[in-house]
N, C-alpha and C. Protein backbone atom coordinates (compact mmCIF):
# COMPACT_ATOMS: atom_id res chain seq x y z
N MET A 1 0.81 -1.19 0.00
CA MET A 1 0.00 0.00 0.00
C MET A 1 0.86 1.26 0.00
N ASN A 2 2.05 1.22 0.59
CA ASN A 2 2.93 2.37 0.59
C ASN A 2 3.34 2.77 -0.81
N GLU A 3 3.54 1.78 -1.68
CA GLU A 3 3.97 2.05 -3.05
C GLU A 3 2.88 2.81 -3.82
N ILE A 4 1.64 2.44 -3.61
CA ILE A 4 0.53 3.13 -4.30
C ILE A 4 0.45 4.59 -3.83
N GLY A 5 0.60 4.81 -2.54
CA GLY A 5 0.58 6.17 -2.02
C GLY A 5 1.70 7.02 -2.58
N LYS A 6 2.88 6.41 -2.71
CA LYS A 6 4.03 7.13 -3.27
C LYS A 6 3.76 7.54 -4.71
N TRP A 7 3.22 6.62 -5.50
CA TRP A 7 2.95 6.93 -6.90
C TRP A 7 1.82 7.94 -7.06
N LEU A 8 0.84 7.89 -6.16
CA LEU A 8 -0.23 8.88 -6.20
C LEU A 8 0.31 10.28 -5.88
N MET A 9 1.23 10.36 -4.92
CA MET A 9 1.85 11.65 -4.61
C MET A 9 2.65 12.19 -5.80
N VAL A 10 3.42 11.33 -6.45
CA VAL A 10 4.21 11.74 -7.61
C VAL A 10 3.28 12.19 -8.74
N ALA A 11 2.21 11.42 -8.98
CA ALA A 11 1.26 11.78 -10.04
C ALA A 11 0.58 13.11 -9.73
N GLY A 12 0.23 13.35 -8.47
CA GLY A 12 -0.40 14.61 -8.08
C GLY A 12 0.55 15.79 -8.26
N LEU A 13 1.81 15.61 -7.88
CA LEU A 13 2.78 16.68 -8.06
C LEU A 13 3.04 16.96 -9.53
N LEU A 14 3.09 15.90 -10.33
CA LEU A 14 3.28 16.07 -11.77
C LEU A 14 2.09 16.81 -12.38
N LEU A 15 0.90 16.43 -11.98
CA LEU A 15 -0.30 17.10 -12.49
C LEU A 15 -0.33 18.56 -12.07
N ALA A 16 0.06 18.85 -10.83
CA ALA A 16 0.12 20.24 -10.38
C ALA A 16 1.18 21.02 -11.15
N GLY A 17 2.31 20.38 -11.46
CA GLY A 17 3.35 21.03 -12.24
C GLY A 17 2.90 21.36 -13.64
N VAL A 18 2.20 20.42 -14.27
CA VAL A 18 1.68 20.67 -15.62
C VAL A 18 0.64 21.79 -15.58
N GLY A 19 -0.22 21.79 -14.57
CA GLY A 19 -1.21 22.85 -14.43
C GLY A 19 -0.57 24.21 -14.24
N ALA A 20 0.48 24.27 -13.41
CA ALA A 20 1.18 25.54 -13.20
C ALA A 20 1.85 26.00 -14.48
N PHE A 21 2.42 25.06 -15.24
CA PHE A 21 3.06 25.42 -16.50
C PHE A 21 2.04 25.97 -17.49
N LEU A 22 0.87 25.33 -17.59
CA LEU A 22 -0.16 25.82 -18.51
C LEU A 22 -0.75 27.15 -18.05
N TRP A 23 -0.80 27.36 -16.76
CA TRP A 23 -1.34 28.59 -16.21
C TRP A 23 -0.36 29.75 -16.37
N LEU A 24 0.92 29.49 -16.07
CA LEU A 24 1.92 30.55 -16.11
C LEU A 24 2.67 30.63 -17.43
N GLY A 25 2.56 29.62 -18.27
CA GLY A 25 3.29 29.57 -19.53
C GLY A 25 3.10 30.79 -20.41
N PRO A 26 1.88 31.25 -20.65
CA PRO A 26 1.69 32.43 -21.51
C PRO A 26 2.27 33.71 -20.91
N LYS A 27 2.53 33.73 -19.62
CA LYS A 27 3.08 34.93 -18.98
C LYS A 27 4.60 34.99 -19.08
N ILE A 28 5.23 33.92 -19.56
CA ILE A 28 6.68 33.90 -19.76
C ILE A 28 6.93 34.27 -21.23
N PRO A 29 7.38 35.49 -21.51
CA PRO A 29 7.42 35.97 -22.89
C PRO A 29 8.42 35.23 -23.78
N TRP A 30 9.50 34.71 -23.25
CA TRP A 30 10.51 34.07 -24.09
C TRP A 30 10.20 32.61 -24.36
N LEU A 31 9.27 32.02 -23.64
CA LEU A 31 8.95 30.60 -23.81
C LEU A 31 8.27 30.39 -25.16
N GLY A 32 8.88 29.58 -26.00
CA GLY A 32 8.34 29.32 -27.33
C GLY A 32 8.87 30.28 -28.38
N ARG A 33 9.73 31.20 -28.01
CA ARG A 33 10.29 32.17 -28.95
C ARG A 33 11.81 32.21 -28.83
N LEU A 34 12.40 31.07 -28.58
CA LEU A 34 13.84 30.99 -28.42
C LEU A 34 14.52 30.85 -29.78
N PRO A 35 15.80 31.21 -29.86
CA PRO A 35 16.54 30.95 -31.10
C PRO A 35 16.57 29.45 -31.36
N GLY A 36 16.26 29.05 -32.55
CA GLY A 36 16.21 27.64 -32.89
C GLY A 36 14.80 27.12 -33.02
N ASP A 37 13.82 27.88 -32.54
CA ASP A 37 12.43 27.51 -32.77
C ASP A 37 12.08 27.81 -34.23
N ILE A 38 11.41 26.90 -34.86
CA ILE A 38 11.15 27.00 -36.30
C ILE A 38 9.78 27.63 -36.53
N ALA A 39 9.75 28.70 -37.31
CA ALA A 39 8.50 29.37 -37.66
C ALA A 39 8.52 29.71 -39.15
N VAL A 40 7.52 29.19 -39.88
CA VAL A 40 7.39 29.48 -41.31
C VAL A 40 6.00 30.07 -41.52
N GLU A 41 5.97 31.25 -42.12
CA GLU A 41 4.69 31.90 -42.39
C GLU A 41 4.61 32.23 -43.88
N ARG A 42 3.59 31.73 -44.50
CA ARG A 42 3.28 32.00 -45.91
C ARG A 42 1.88 32.61 -45.97
N PRO A 43 1.45 33.10 -47.11
CA PRO A 43 0.12 33.73 -47.18
C PRO A 43 -1.02 32.85 -46.64
N ASN A 44 -1.08 31.59 -47.00
CA ASN A 44 -2.18 30.72 -46.53
C ASN A 44 -1.67 29.58 -45.67
N PHE A 45 -0.52 29.74 -45.06
CA PHE A 45 0.10 28.62 -44.34
C PHE A 45 0.96 29.14 -43.19
N LYS A 46 0.78 28.54 -42.04
CA LYS A 46 1.63 28.84 -40.89
C LYS A 46 2.12 27.52 -40.31
N PHE A 47 3.41 27.44 -40.03
CA PHE A 47 3.99 26.27 -39.39
C PHE A 47 4.90 26.75 -38.28
N TYR A 48 4.70 26.20 -37.10
CA TYR A 48 5.52 26.59 -35.96
C TYR A 48 5.90 25.34 -35.19
N PHE A 49 7.18 25.16 -34.96
CA PHE A 49 7.66 24.04 -34.15
C PHE A 49 8.73 24.56 -33.19
N PRO A 50 8.43 24.59 -31.89
CA PRO A 50 9.38 25.12 -30.91
C PRO A 50 10.47 24.11 -30.56
N LEU A 51 11.40 23.90 -31.46
CA LEU A 51 12.44 22.88 -31.31
C LEU A 51 13.30 23.13 -30.08
N THR A 52 13.84 24.32 -29.91
CA THR A 52 14.71 24.62 -28.77
C THR A 52 13.94 24.54 -27.46
N THR A 53 12.72 25.04 -27.46
CA THR A 53 11.89 24.97 -26.26
C THR A 53 11.62 23.52 -25.88
N CYS A 54 11.35 22.65 -26.86
CA CYS A 54 11.12 21.24 -26.59
C CYS A 54 12.36 20.58 -26.01
N ILE A 55 13.52 20.92 -26.52
CA ILE A 55 14.77 20.34 -26.01
C ILE A 55 15.00 20.77 -24.57
N ILE A 56 14.78 22.04 -24.26
CA ILE A 56 14.98 22.53 -22.89
C ILE A 56 13.99 21.87 -21.94
N VAL A 57 12.73 21.77 -22.32
CA VAL A 57 11.73 21.12 -21.47
C VAL A 57 12.09 19.65 -21.27
N SER A 58 12.55 18.98 -22.31
CA SER A 58 12.95 17.59 -22.21
C SER A 58 14.12 17.40 -21.25
N VAL A 59 15.11 18.27 -21.31
CA VAL A 59 16.26 18.17 -20.41
C VAL A 59 15.83 18.38 -18.96
N VAL A 60 14.97 19.37 -18.72
CA VAL A 60 14.51 19.64 -17.36
C VAL A 60 13.70 18.46 -16.82
N LEU A 61 12.81 17.91 -17.62
CA LEU A 61 12.01 16.75 -17.18
C LEU A 61 12.88 15.52 -16.96
N THR A 62 13.90 15.33 -17.79
CA THR A 62 14.82 14.21 -17.61
C THR A 62 15.59 14.35 -16.31
N LEU A 63 16.06 15.55 -16.01
CA LEU A 63 16.77 15.77 -14.75
C LEU A 63 15.85 15.54 -13.55
N LEU A 64 14.61 15.99 -13.62
CA LEU A 64 13.66 15.75 -12.53
C LEU A 64 13.40 14.26 -12.34
N ALA A 65 13.21 13.53 -13.44
CA ALA A 65 12.98 12.09 -13.34
C ALA A 65 14.20 11.39 -12.76
N TRP A 66 15.39 11.81 -13.16
CA TRP A 66 16.62 11.22 -12.64
C TRP A 66 16.75 11.48 -11.14
N LEU A 67 16.43 12.70 -10.72
CA LEU A 67 16.50 13.02 -9.29
C LEU A 67 15.48 12.24 -8.47
N LEU A 68 14.28 12.06 -9.01
CA LEU A 68 13.25 11.30 -8.30
C LEU A 68 13.60 9.82 -8.20
N ARG A 69 14.26 9.28 -9.19
CA ARG A 69 14.64 7.87 -9.15
C ARG A 69 15.81 7.61 -8.22
N ARG A 70 16.65 8.60 -8.00
CA ARG A 70 17.80 8.44 -7.13
C ARG A 70 17.38 8.20 -5.69
N HIS A 71 16.28 8.78 -5.27
CA HIS A 71 15.89 8.68 -3.86
C HIS A 71 14.89 7.62 -3.67
């Protein structure tokens, strides 16, 4: 039963983190507009892929997962 409680706590913290990111994300002006983010705009076509932002988010999440597994 302790294992289930531990995973529920981790899931709750993760969900709260995602909620905070979605809530505060638009208020961070540089998020999604970093050098290396791909943006193509044509008259009838827009394509946007935040490559650098995805890499930074991936590195941060990987470090968090690594830290959580260590303990």
